[in-house]
Amino acid sequence: MPLYNILCIAAHYPEIAPIRELLKTTSSIINNGNGVIRSVDFWGTQTLPMKMRRHQEMHDKGDYINMQFMGSPRVLNNLNQLLRLDPRVVRWQTINQGAKLEDVLGK
């Protein structure tokens, strides 16, 4: 299974409940697809470099979440579909860090 890294910018809410629900949903997709979550880092609320439009709303602040997981390409497709349709997500970027142990650890 390849190792993936997702950086997600979620819309900023005054309470943490929507972010918690987003993390529960994404982790359930990964776990149901026999994937393994290696780490989840919450980088906090930051001002976006520019105003971003997503789901017919403008955003100037976002909550940054970095998630590292191992999963099949099918899991990644399901996760991308969820993030594309979820109104809490402003932007996300997925990086394939490697499928082999040598790719992940470095040479």
PDB file of N, CA and C in Angstrom:
ATOM      1  N   MET A   1       0.841  -1.182   0.000  1.00  0.00           N
ATOM      2  CA  MET A   1       0.000   0.000   0.000  1.00  0.00           C
ATOM      3  C   MET A   1       0.885   1.244   0.000  1.00  0.00           C
ATOM      4  N   PRO A   2       0.553   2.181  -0.853  1.00  0.00           N
ATOM      5  CA  PRO A   2       1.331   3.432  -0.883  1.00  0.00           C
ATOM      6  C   PRO A   2       1.072   4.299   0.349  1.00  0.00           C
ATOM      7  N   LEU A   3       2.051   5.107   0.659  1.00  0.00           N
ATOM      8  CA  LEU A   3       1.935   6.078   1.747  1.00  0.00           C
ATOM      9  C   LEU A   3       1.534   7.413   1.141  1.00  0.00           C
ATOM     10  N   TYR A   4       0.448   7.994   1.639  1.00  0.00           N
ATOM     11  CA  TYR A   4      -0.059   9.269   1.149  1.00  0.00           C
ATOM     12  C   TYR A   4      -0.001  10.311   2.257  1.00  0.00           C
ATOM     13  N   ASN A   5       0.118  11.551   1.842  1.00  0.00           N
ATOM     14  CA  ASN A   5       0.074  12.684   2.756  1.00  0.00           C
ATOM     15  C   ASN A   5      -0.968  13.660   2.212  1.00  0.00           C
ATOM     16  N   ILE A   6      -1.950  14.005   3.016  1.00  0.00           N
ATOM     17  CA  ILE A   6      -2.991  14.952   2.600  1.00  0.00           C
ATOM     18  C   ILE A   6      -2.902  16.190   3.479  1.00  0.00           C
ATOM     19  N   LEU A   7      -2.800  17.332   2.831  1.00  0.00           N
ATOM     20  CA  LEU A   7      -2.912  18.614   3.524  1.00  0.00           C
ATOM     21  C   LEU A   7      -4.276  19.177   3.153  1.00  0.00           C
ATOM     22  N   CYS A   8      -5.108  19.382   4.152  1.00  0.00           N
ATOM     23  CA  CYS A   8      -6.477  19.839   3.932  1.00  0.00           C
ATOM     24  C   CYS A   8      -6.671  21.186   4.619  1.00  0.00           C
ATOM     25  N   ILE A   9      -7.277  22.118   3.898  1.00  0.00           N
ATOM     26  CA  ILE A   9      -7.672  23.397   4.480  1.00  0.00           C
ATOM     27  C   ILE A   9      -9.190  23.356   4.622  1.00  0.00           C
ATOM     28  N   ALA A  10      -9.643  23.359   5.851  1.00  0.00           N
ATOM     29  CA  ALA A  10     -11.076  23.325   6.127  1.00  0.00           C
ATOM     30  C   ALA A  10     -11.565  24.736   6.424  1.00  0.00           C
ATOM     31  N   ALA A  11     -12.831  24.980   6.131  1.00  0.00           N
ATOM     32  CA  ALA A  11     -13.433  26.272   6.449  1.00  0.00           C
ATOM     33  C   ALA A  11     -13.379  26.487   7.958  1.00  0.00           C
ATOM     34  N   HIS A  12     -13.110  27.714   8.357  1.00  0.00           N
ATOM     35  CA  HIS A  12     -12.988  28.019   9.783  1.00  0.00           C
ATOM     36  C   HIS A  12     -14.370  28.184  10.401  1.00  0.00           C
ATOM     37  N   TYR A  13     -14.586  27.481  11.511  1.00  0.00           N
ATOM     38  CA  TYR A  13     -15.817  27.580  12.285  1.00  0.00           C
ATOM     39  C   TYR A  13     -15.455  28.002  13.705  1.00  0.00           C
ATOM     40  N   PRO A  14     -16.341  28.724  14.395  1.00  0.00           N
ATOM     41  CA  PRO A  14     -16.044  29.130  15.773  1.00  0.00           C
ATOM     42  C   PRO A  14     -15.890  27.936  16.721  1.00  0.00           C
ATOM     43  N   GLU A  15     -16.598  26.850  16.435  1.00  0.00           N
ATOM     44  CA  GLU A  15     -16.489  25.660  17.277  1.00  0.00           C
ATOM     45  C   GLU A  15     -15.706  24.577  16.521  1.00  0.00           C
ATOM     46  N   ILE A  16     -15.220  23.594  17.239  1.00  0.00           N
ATOM     47  CA  ILE A  16     -14.362  22.559  16.656  1.00  0.00           C
ATOM     48  C   ILE A  16     -15.168  21.359  16.143  1.00  0.00           C
ATOM     49  N   ALA A  17     -16.459  21.284  16.443  1.00  0.00           N
ATOM     50  CA  ALA A  17     -17.279  20.120  16.090  1.00  0.00           C
ATOM     51  C   ALA A  17     -17.274  19.797  14.591  1.00  0.00           C
ATOM     52  N   PRO A  18     -17.406  20.776  13.672  1.00  0.00           N
ATOM     53  CA  PRO A  18     -17.372  20.421  12.248  1.00  0.00           C
ATOM     54  C   PRO A  18     -16.033  19.825  11.805  1.00  0.00           C
ATOM     55  N   ILE A  19     -14.939  20.287  12.378  1.00  0.00           N
ATOM     56  CA  ILE A  19     -13.625  19.746  12.034  1.00  0.00           C
ATOM     57  C   ILE A  19     -13.499  18.320  12.564  1.00  0.00           C
ATOM     58  N   ARG A  20     -14.008  18.097  13.763  1.00  0.00           N
ATOM     59  CA  ARG A  20     -13.980  16.751  14.344  1.00  0.00           C
ATOM     60  C   ARG A  20     -14.787  15.787  13.481  1.00  0.00           C
ATOM     61  N   GLU A  21     -15.955  16.219  13.007  1.00  0.00           N
ATOM     62  CA  GLU A  21     -16.785  15.367  12.149  1.00  0.00           C
ATOM     63  C   GLU A  21     -16.100  15.091  10.813  1.00  0.00           C
ATOM     64  N   LEU A  22     -15.412  16.081  10.267  1.00  0.00           N
ATOM     65  CA  LEU A  22     -14.670  15.880   9.018  1.00  0.00           C
ATOM     66  C   LEU A  22     -13.578  14.835   9.213  1.00  0.00           C
ATOM     67  N   LEU A  23     -12.860  14.910  10.322  1.00  0.00           N
ATOM     68  CA  LEU A  23     -11.812  13.926  10.607  1.00  0.00           C
ATOM     69  C   LEU A  23     -12.395  12.533  10.832  1.00  0.00           C
ATOM     70  N   LYS A  24     -13.549  12.438  11.491  1.00  0.00           N
ATOM     71  CA  LYS A  24     -14.187  11.137  11.691  1.00  0.00           C
ATOM     72  C   LYS A  24     -14.596  10.525  10.358  1.00  0.00           C
ATOM     73  N   THR A  25     -15.142  11.349   9.467  1.00  0.00           N
ATOM     74  CA  THR A  25     -15.587  10.854   8.173  1.00  0.00           C
ATOM     75  C   THR A  25     -14.413  10.378   7.332  1.00  0.00           C
ATOM     76  N   THR A  26     -13.352  11.177   7.267  1.00  0.00           N
ATOM     77  CA  THR A  26     -12.191  10.779   6.464  1.00  0.00           C
ATOM     78  C   THR A  26     -11.514   9.543   7.054  1.00  0.00           C
ATOM     79  N   SER A  27     -11.413   9.467   8.366  1.00  0.00           N
ATOM     80  CA  SER A  27     -10.768   8.298   8.967  1.00  0.00           C
ATOM     81  C   SER A  27     -11.608   7.040   8.776  1.00  0.00           C
ATOM     82  N   SER A  28     -12.924   7.157   8.772  1.00  0.00           N
ATOM     83  CA  SER A  28     -13.761   5.976   8.545  1.00  0.00           C
ATOM     84  C   SER A  28     -13.615   5.467   7.115  1.00  0.00           C
ATOM     85  N   ILE A  29     -13.459   6.367   6.141  1.00  0.00           N
ATOM     86  CA  ILE A  29     -13.239   5.934   4.759  1.00  0.00           C
ATOM     87  C   ILE A  29     -11.920   5.178   4.650  1.00  0.00           C
ATOM     88  N   ILE A  30     -10.888   5.697   5.289  1.00  0.00           N
ATOM     89  CA  ILE A  30      -9.579   5.039   5.243  1.00  0.00           C
ATOM     90  C   ILE A  30      -9.635   3.687   5.951  1.00  0.00           C
ATOM     91  N   ASN A  31     -10.226   3.635   7.131  1.00  0.00           N
ATOM     92  CA  ASN A  31     -10.288   2.381   7.892  1.00  0.00           C
ATOM     93  C   ASN A  31     -11.181   1.341   7.225  1.00  0.00           C
ATOM     94  N   ASN A  32     -12.297   1.756   6.624  1.00  0.00           N
ATOM     95  CA  ASN A  32     -13.184   0.814   5.943  1.00  0.00           C
ATOM     96  C   ASN A  32     -12.547   0.236   4.692  1.00  0.00           C
ATOM     97  N   GLY A  33     -11.582   0.935   4.112  1.00  0.00           N
ATOM     98  CA  GLY A  33     -10.869   0.437   2.939  1.00  0.00           C
ATOM     99  C   GLY A  33      -9.589  -0.294   3.297  1.00  0.00           C
ATOM    100  N   ASN A  34      -9.476  -0.747   4.547  1.00  0.00           N
ATOM    101  CA  ASN A  34      -8.298  -1.467   5.048  1.00  0.00           C
ATOM    102  C   ASN A  34      -7.038  -0.619   4.996  1.00  0.00           C
ATOM    103  N   GLY A  35      -7.188   0.676   5.153  1.00  0.00           N
ATOM    104  CA  GLY A  35      -6.039   1.570   5.225  1.00  0.00           C
ATOM    105  C   GLY A  35      -5.617   1.788   6.670  1.00  0.00           C
ATOM    106  N   VAL A  36      -4.472   2.434   6.834  1.00  0.00           N
ATOM    107  CA  VAL A  36      -3.925   2.693   8.162  1.00  0.00           C
ATOM    108  C   VAL A  36      -3.555   4.167   8.258  1.00  0.00           C
ATOM    109  N   ILE A  37      -4.063   4.852   9.266  1.00  0.00           N
ATOM    110  CA  ILE A  37      -3.708   6.252   9.498  1.00  0.00           C
ATOM    111  C   ILE A  37      -2.451   6.275  10.352  1.00  0.00           C
ATOM    112  N   ARG A  38      -1.422   6.933   9.847  1.00  0.00           N
ATOM    113  CA  ARG A  38      -0.153   6.986  10.585  1.00  0.00           C
ATOM    114  C   ARG A  38      -0.073   8.204  11.486  1.00  0.00           C
ATOM    115  N   SER A  39      -0.581   9.342  11.022  1.00  0.00           N
ATOM    116  CA  SER A  39      -0.554  10.535  11.875  1.00  0.00           C
ATOM    117  C   SER A  39      -1.589  11.539  11.394  1.00  0.00           C
ATOM    118  N   VAL A  40      -2.082  12.327  12.336  1.00  0.00           N
ATOM    119  CA  VAL A  40      -2.981  13.446  12.053  1.00  0.00           C
ATOM    120  C   VAL A  40      -2.453  14.634  12.843  1.00  0.00           C
ATOM    121  N   ASP A  41      -2.150  15.708  12.142  1.00  0.00           N
ATOM    122  CA  ASP A  41      -1.638  16.919  12.783  1.00  0.00           C
ATOM    123  C   ASP A  41      -2.579  18.072  12.484  1.00  0.00           C
ATOM    124  N   PHE A  42      -3.015  18.752  13.529  1.00  0.00           N
ATOM    125  CA  PHE A  42      -3.838  19.948  13.376  1.00  0.00           C
ATOM    126  C   PHE A  42      -2.917  21.147  13.514  1.00  0.00           C
ATOM    127  N   TRP A  43      -2.763  21.905  12.434  1.00  0.00           N
ATOM    128  CA  TRP A  43      -1.842  23.040  12.418  1.00  0.00           C
ATOM    129  C   TRP A  43      -2.501  24.325  12.886  1.00  0.00           C
ATOM    130  N   GLY A  44      -3.775  24.278  13.211  1.00  0.00           N
ATOM    131  CA  GLY A  44      -4.463  25.446  13.736  1.00  0.00           C
ATOM    132  C   GLY A  44      -5.106  26.296  12.656  1.00  0.00           C
ATOM    133  N   THR A  45      -5.672  27.405  13.093  1.00  0.00           N
ATOM    134  CA  THR A  45      -6.334  28.343  12.199  1.00  0.00           C
ATOM    135  C   THR A  45      -5.320  29.355  11.699  1.00  0.00           C
ATOM    136  N   GLN A  46      -5.316  29.551  10.389  1.00  0.00           N
ATOM    137  CA  GLN A  46      -4.394  30.503   9.780  1.00  0.00           C
ATOM    138  C   GLN A  46      -5.146  31.343   8.758  1.00  0.00           C
ATOM    139  N   THR A  47      -4.651  32.547   8.556  1.00  0.00           N
ATOM    140  CA  THR A  47      -5.192  33.388   7.495  1.00  0.00           C
ATOM    141  C   THR A  47      -4.709  32.835   6.162  1.00  0.00           C
ATOM    142  N   LEU A  48      -5.612  32.694   5.214  1.00  0.00           N
ATOM    143  CA  LEU A  48      -5.250  32.149   3.909  1.00  0.00           C
ATOM    144  C   LEU A  48      -4.421  33.166   3.128  1.00  0.00           C
ATOM    145  N   PRO A  49      -3.530  32.710   2.253  1.00  0.00           N
ATOM    146  CA  PRO A  49      -2.694  33.638   1.487  1.00  0.00           C
ATOM    147  C   PRO A  49      -3.508  34.561   0.582  1.00  0.00           C
ATOM    148  N   MET A  50      -4.672  34.084   0.168  1.00  0.00           N
ATOM    149  CA  MET A  50      -5.594  34.908  -0.615  1.00  0.00           C
ATOM    150  C   MET A  50      -7.000  34.390  -0.329  1.00  0.00           C
ATOM    151  N   LYS A  51      -7.995  35.197  -0.627  1.00  0.00           N
ATOM    152  CA  LYS A  51      -9.370  34.751  -0.438  1.00  0.00           C
ATOM    153  C   LYS A  51      -9.652  33.623  -1.419  1.00  0.00           C
ATOM    154  N   MET A  52     -10.311  32.592  -0.922  1.00  0.00           N
ATOM    155  CA  MET A  52     -10.608  31.422  -1.743  1.00  0.00           C
ATOM    156  C   MET A  52     -12.105  31.196  -1.785  1.00  0.00           C
ATOM    157  N   ARG A  53     -12.589  30.870  -2.969  1.00  0.00           N
ATOM    158  CA  ARG A  53     -14.007  30.577  -3.148  1.00  0.00           C
ATOM    159  C   ARG A  53     -14.179  29.064  -3.247  1.00  0.00           C
ATOM    160  N   ARG A  54     -15.107  28.549  -2.458  1.00  0.00           N
ATOM    161  CA  ARG A  54     -15.423  27.126  -2.508  1.00  0.00           C
ATOM    162  C   ARG A  54     -16.871  26.952  -2.096  1.00  0.00           C
ATOM    163  N   HIS A  55     -17.628  26.209  -2.886  1.00  0.00           N
ATOM    164  CA  HIS A  55     -19.044  25.948  -2.625  1.00  0.00           C
ATOM    165  C   HIS A  55     -19.817  27.259  -2.463  1.00  0.00           C
ATOM    166  N   GLN A  56     -19.558  28.197  -3.339  1.00  0.00           N
ATOM    167  CA  GLN A  56     -20.233  29.493  -3.423  1.00  0.00           C
ATOM    168  C   GLN A  56     -20.057  30.340  -2.168  1.00  0.00           C
ATOM    169  N   GLU A  57     -18.947  30.164  -1.473  1.00  0.00           N
ATOM    170  CA  GLU A  57     -18.623  30.986  -0.305  1.00  0.00           C
ATOM    171  C   GLU A  57     -17.184  31.447  -0.412  1.00  0.00           C
ATOM    172  N   MET A  58     -16.911  32.644   0.109  1.00  0.00           N
ATOM    173  CA  MET A  58     -15.546  33.161   0.154  1.00  0.00           C
ATOM    174  C   MET A  58     -14.962  32.876   1.536  1.00  0.00           C
ATOM    175  N   HIS A  59     -13.696  32.469   1.553  1.00  0.00           N
ATOM    176  CA  HIS A  59     -13.017  32.133   2.801  1.00  0.00           C
ATOM    177  C   HIS A  59     -11.732  32.935   2.895  1.00  0.00           C
ATOM    178  N   ASP A  60     -11.466  33.508   4.067  1.00  0.00           N
ATOM    179  CA  ASP A  60     -10.194  34.201   4.286  1.00  0.00           C
ATOM    180  C   ASP A  60      -9.400  33.583   5.434  1.00  0.00           C
ATOM    181  N   LYS A  61     -10.021  32.658   6.187  1.00  0.00           N
ATOM    182  CA  LYS A  61      -9.343  31.902   7.238  1.00  0.00           C
ATOM    183  C   LYS A  61      -9.634  30.429   7.026  1.00  0.00           C
ATOM    184  N   GLY A  62      -8.700  29.603   7.458  1.00  0.00           N
ATOM    185  CA  GLY A  62      -8.894  28.166   7.320  1.00  0.00           C
ATOM    186  C   GLY A  62      -8.191  27.399   8.420  1.00  0.00           C
ATOM    187  N   ASP A  63      -8.692  26.218   8.689  1.00  0.00           N
ATOM    188  CA  ASP A  63      -8.073  25.311   9.652  1.00  0.00           C
ATOM    189  C   ASP A  63      -7.257  24.290   8.864  1.00  0.00           C
ATOM    190  N   TYR A  64      -5.966  24.231   9.140  1.00  0.00           N
ATOM    191  CA  TYR A  64      -5.052  23.369   8.403  1.00  0.00           C
ATOM    192  C   TYR A  64      -4.914  22.022   9.119  1.00  0.00           C
ATOM    193  N   ILE A  65      -5.101  20.940   8.354  1.00  0.00           N
ATOM    194  CA  ILE A  65      -5.001  19.583   8.882  1.00  0.00           C
ATOM    195  C   ILE A  65      -4.083  18.790   7.959  1.00  0.00           C
ATOM    196  N   ASN A  66      -3.108  18.112   8.531  1.00  0.00           N
ATOM    197  CA  ASN A  66      -2.194  17.270   7.770  1.00  0.00           C
ATOM    198  C   ASN A  66      -2.400  15.827   8.220  1.00  0.00           C
ATOM    199  N   MET A  67      -2.683  14.939   7.262  1.00  0.00           N
ATOM    200  CA  MET A  67      -2.937  13.537   7.582  1.00  0.00           C
ATOM    201  C   MET A  67      -2.026  12.654   6.739  1.00  0.00           C
ATOM    202  N   GLN A  68      -1.377  11.704   7.385  1.00  0.00           N
ATOM    203  CA  GLN A  68      -0.522  10.750   6.694  1.00  0.00           C
ATOM    204  C   GLN A  68      -1.145   9.369   6.873  1.00  0.00           C
ATOM    205  N   PHE A  69      -1.357   8.650   5.747  1.00  0.00           N
ATOM    206  CA  PHE A  69      -1.994   7.341   5.838  1.00  0.00           C
ATOM    207  C   PHE A  69      -1.492   6.429   4.733  1.00  0.00           C
ATOM    208  N   MET A  70      -1.687   5.139   4.955  1.00  0.00           N
ATOM    209  CA  MET A  70      -1.389   4.131   3.951  1.00  0.00           C
ATOM    210  C   MET A  70      -2.719   3.550   3.500  1.00  0.00           C
ATOM    211  N   GLY A  71      -2.887   3.434   2.186  1.00  0.00           N
ATOM    212  CA  GLY A  71      -4.132   2.907   1.661  1.00  0.00           C
ATOM    213  C   GLY A  71      -4.014   2.594   0.190  1.00  0.00           C
ATOM    214  N   SER A  72      -5.004   1.909  -0.316  1.00  0.00           N
ATOM    215  CA  SER A  72      -5.017   1.545  -1.729  1.00  0.00           C
ATOM    216  C   SER A  72      -5.450   2.748  -2.567  1.00  0.00           C
ATOM    217  N   PRO A  73      -5.192   2.715  -3.870  1.00  0.00           N
ATOM    218  CA  PRO A  73      -5.668   3.800  -4.737  1.00  0.00           C
ATOM    219  C   PRO A  73      -7.189   3.959  -4.711  1.00  0.00           C
ATOM    220  N   ARG A  74      -7.911   2.879  -4.477  1.00  0.00           N
ATOM    221  CA  ARG A  74      -9.376   2.967  -4.380  1.00  0.00           C
ATOM    222  C   ARG A  74      -9.781   3.810  -3.172  1.00  0.00           C
ATOM    223  N   VAL A  75      -9.080   3.635  -2.053  1.00  0.00           N
ATOM    224  CA  VAL A  75      -9.344   4.444  -0.857  1.00  0.00           C
ATOM    225  C   VAL A  75      -9.076   5.913  -1.157  1.00  0.00           C
ATOM    226  N   LEU A  76      -7.989   6.183  -1.868  1.00  0.00           N
ATOM    227  CA  LEU A  76      -7.658   7.565  -2.223  1.00  0.00           C
ATOM    228  C   LEU A  76      -8.734   8.174  -3.113  1.00  0.00           C
ATOM    229  N   ASN A  77      -9.255   7.413  -4.073  1.00  0.00           N
ATOM    230  CA  ASN A  77     -10.334   7.922  -4.928  1.00  0.00           C
ATOM    231  C   ASN A  77     -11.584   8.238  -4.115  1.00  0.00           C
ATOM    232  N   ASN A  78     -11.944   7.355  -3.186  1.00  0.00           N
ATOM    233  CA  ASN A  78     -13.111   7.607  -2.330  1.00  0.00           C
ATOM    234  C   ASN A  78     -12.902   8.836  -1.457  1.00  0.00           C
ATOM    235  N   LEU A  79     -11.687   8.996  -0.954  1.00  0.00           N
ATOM    236  CA  LEU A  79     -11.377  10.145  -0.106  1.00  0.00           C
ATOM    237  C   LEU A  79     -11.421  11.445  -0.905  1.00  0.00           C
ATOM    238  N   ASN A  80     -10.867  11.433  -2.116  1.00  0.00           N
ATOM    239  CA  ASN A  80     -10.913  12.629  -2.959  1.00  0.00           C
ATOM    240  C   ASN A  80     -12.342  13.000  -3.325  1.00  0.00           C
ATOM    241  N   GLN A  81     -13.181  11.998  -3.569  1.00  0.00           N
ATOM    242  CA  GLN A  81     -14.584  12.273  -3.883  1.00  0.00           C
ATOM    243  C   GLN A  81     -15.290  12.919  -2.691  1.00  0.00           C
ATOM    244  N   LEU A  82     -15.015  12.418  -1.495  1.00  0.00           N
ATOM    245  CA  LEU A  82     -15.607  13.005  -0.287  1.00  0.00           C
ATOM    246  C   LEU A  82     -15.152  14.447  -0.108  1.00  0.00           C
ATOM    247  N   LEU A  83     -13.851  14.692  -0.229  1.00  0.00           N
ATOM    248  CA  LEU A  83     -13.322  16.038  -0.009  1.00  0.00           C
ATOM    249  C   LEU A  83     -13.828  17.022  -1.063  1.00  0.00           C
ATOM    250  N   ARG A  84     -14.052  16.546  -2.278  1.00  0.00           N
ATOM    251  CA  ARG A  84     -14.548  17.409  -3.342  1.00  0.00           C
ATOM    252  C   ARG A  84     -15.978  17.877  -3.064  1.00  0.00           C
ATOM    253  N   LEU A  85     -16.782  17.010  -2.457  1.00  0.00           N
ATOM    254  CA  LEU A  85     -18.197  17.330  -2.245  1.00  0.00           C
ATOM    255  C   LEU A  85     -18.493  17.938  -0.877  1.00  0.00           C
ATOM    256  N   ASP A  86     -17.568  17.821   0.057  1.00  0.00           N
ATOM    257  CA  ASP A  86     -17.810  18.277   1.426  1.00  0.00           C
ATOM    258  C   ASP A  86     -17.727  19.800   1.507  1.00  0.00           C
ATOM    259  N   PRO A  87     -18.782  20.479   1.986  1.00  0.00           N
ATOM    260  CA  PRO A  87     -18.756  21.950   2.054  1.00  0.00           C
ATOM    261  C   PRO A  87     -17.807  22.497   3.118  1.00  0.00           C
ATOM    262  N   ARG A  88     -17.317  21.651   4.019  1.00  0.00           N
ATOM    263  CA  ARG A  88     -16.368  22.109   5.042  1.00  0.00           C
ATOM    264  C   ARG A  88     -14.949  22.237   4.499  1.00  0.00           C
ATOM    265  N   VAL A  89     -14.674  21.652   3.331  1.00  0.00           N
ATOM    266  CA  VAL A  89     -13.320  21.627   2.772  1.00  0.00           C
ATOM    267  C   VAL A  89     -13.155  22.759   1.772  1.00  0.00           C
ATOM    268  N   VAL A  90     -12.121  23.568   1.972  1.00  0.00           N
ATOM    269  CA  VAL A  90     -11.816  24.663   1.050  1.00  0.00           C
ATOM    270  C   VAL A  90     -10.835  24.181  -0.017  1.00  0.00           C
ATOM    271  N   ARG A  91      -9.726  23.574   0.397  1.00  0.00           N
ATOM    272  CA  ARG A  91      -8.717  23.044  -0.523  1.00  0.00           C
ATOM    273  C   ARG A  91      -8.074  21.816   0.109  1.00  0.00           C
ATOM    274  N   TRP A  92      -7.513  20.951  -0.742  1.00  0.00           N
ATOM    275  CA  TRP A  92      -6.725  19.827  -0.257  1.00  0.00           C
ATOM    276  C   TRP A  92      -5.716  19.449  -1.326  1.00  0.00           C
ATOM    277  N   GLN A  93      -4.637  18.869  -0.875  1.00  0.00           N
ATOM    278  CA  GLN A  93      -3.574  18.411  -1.771  1.00  0.00           C
ATOM    279  C   GLN A  93      -3.115  17.046  -1.285  1.00  0.00           C
ATOM    280  N   THR A  94      -3.028  16.096  -2.204  1.00  0.00           N
ATOM    281  CA  THR A  94      -2.582  14.751  -1.870  1.00  0.00           C
ATOM    282  C   THR A  94      -1.220  14.506  -2.495  1.00  0.00           C
ATOM    283  N   ILE A  95      -0.304  13.959  -1.715  1.00  0.00           N
ATOM    284  CA  ILE A  95       1.037  13.638  -2.202  1.00  0.00           C
ATOM    285  C   ILE A  95       1.280  12.157  -1.958  1.00  0.00           C
ATOM    286  N   ASN A  96       1.659  11.442  -3.024  1.00  0.00           N
ATOM    287  CA  ASN A  96       2.041  10.043  -2.904  1.00  0.00           C
ATOM    288  C   ASN A  96       3.503  10.008  -2.499  1.00  0.00           C
ATOM    289  N   GLN A  97       3.776   9.555  -1.287  1.00  0.00           N
ATOM    290  CA  GLN A  97       5.140   9.576  -0.779  1.00  0.00           C
ATOM    291  C   GLN A  97       5.915   8.318  -1.120  1.00  0.00           C
ATOM    292  N   GLY A  98       5.273   7.341  -1.719  1.00  0.00           N
ATOM    293  CA  GLY A  98       5.970   6.140  -2.160  1.00  0.00           C
ATOM    294  C   GLY A  98       5.210   4.879  -1.824  1.00  0.00           C
ATOM    295  N   ALA A  99       5.459   3.846  -2.640  1.00  0.00           N
ATOM    296  CA  ALA A  99       4.813   2.561  -2.422  1.00  0.00           C
ATOM    297  C   ALA A  99       5.763   1.557  -1.788  1.00  0.00           C
ATOM    298  N   LYS A 100       7.056   1.788  -1.918  1.00  0.00           N
ATOM    299  CA  LYS A 100       8.054   0.873  -1.367  1.00  0.00           C
ATOM    300  C   LYS A 100       8.643   1.466  -0.090  1.00  0.00           C
ATOM    301  N   LEU A 101       9.159   0.600   0.737  1.00  0.00           N
ATOM    302  CA  LEU A 101       9.763   1.040   1.988  1.00  0.00           C
ATOM    303  C   LEU A 101      10.956   1.952   1.733  1.00  0.00           C
ATOM    304  N   GLU A 102      11.718   1.665   0.681  1.00  0.00           N
ATOM    305  CA  GLU A 102      12.878   2.501   0.352  1.00  0.00           C
ATOM    306  C   GLU A 102      12.453   3.914  -0.040  1.00  0.00           C
ATOM    307  N   ASP A 103      11.303   4.033  -0.723  1.00  0.00           N
ATOM    308  CA  ASP A 103      10.804   5.355  -1.120  1.00  0.00           C
ATOM    309  C   ASP A 103      10.405   6.178   0.099  1.00  0.00           C
ATOM    310  N   VAL A 104       9.819   5.520   1.071  1.00  0.00           N
ATOM    311  CA  VAL A 104       9.311   6.219   2.249  1.00  0.00           C
ATOM    312  C   VAL A 104      10.442   6.635   3.183  1.00  0.00           C
ATOM    313  N   LEU A 105      11.389   5.735   3.407  1.00  0.00           N
ATOM    314  CA  LEU A 105      12.475   6.011   4.346  1.00  0.00           C
ATOM    315  C   LEU A 105      13.599   6.833   3.743  1.00  0.00           C
ATOM    316  N   GLY A 106      13.719   6.829   2.425  1.00  0.00           N
ATOM    317  CA  GLY A 106      14.830   7.522   1.780  1.00  0.00           C
ATOM    318  C   GLY A 106      16.026   6.597   1.671  1.00  0.00           C
ATOM    319  N   LYS A 107      16.904   6.942   0.772  1.00  0.00           N
ATOM    320  CA  LYS A 107      18.061   6.066   0.528  1.00  0.00           C
ATOM    321  C   LYS A 107      19.293   6.562   1.207  1.00  0.00           C
TER     322      LYS A 107
END
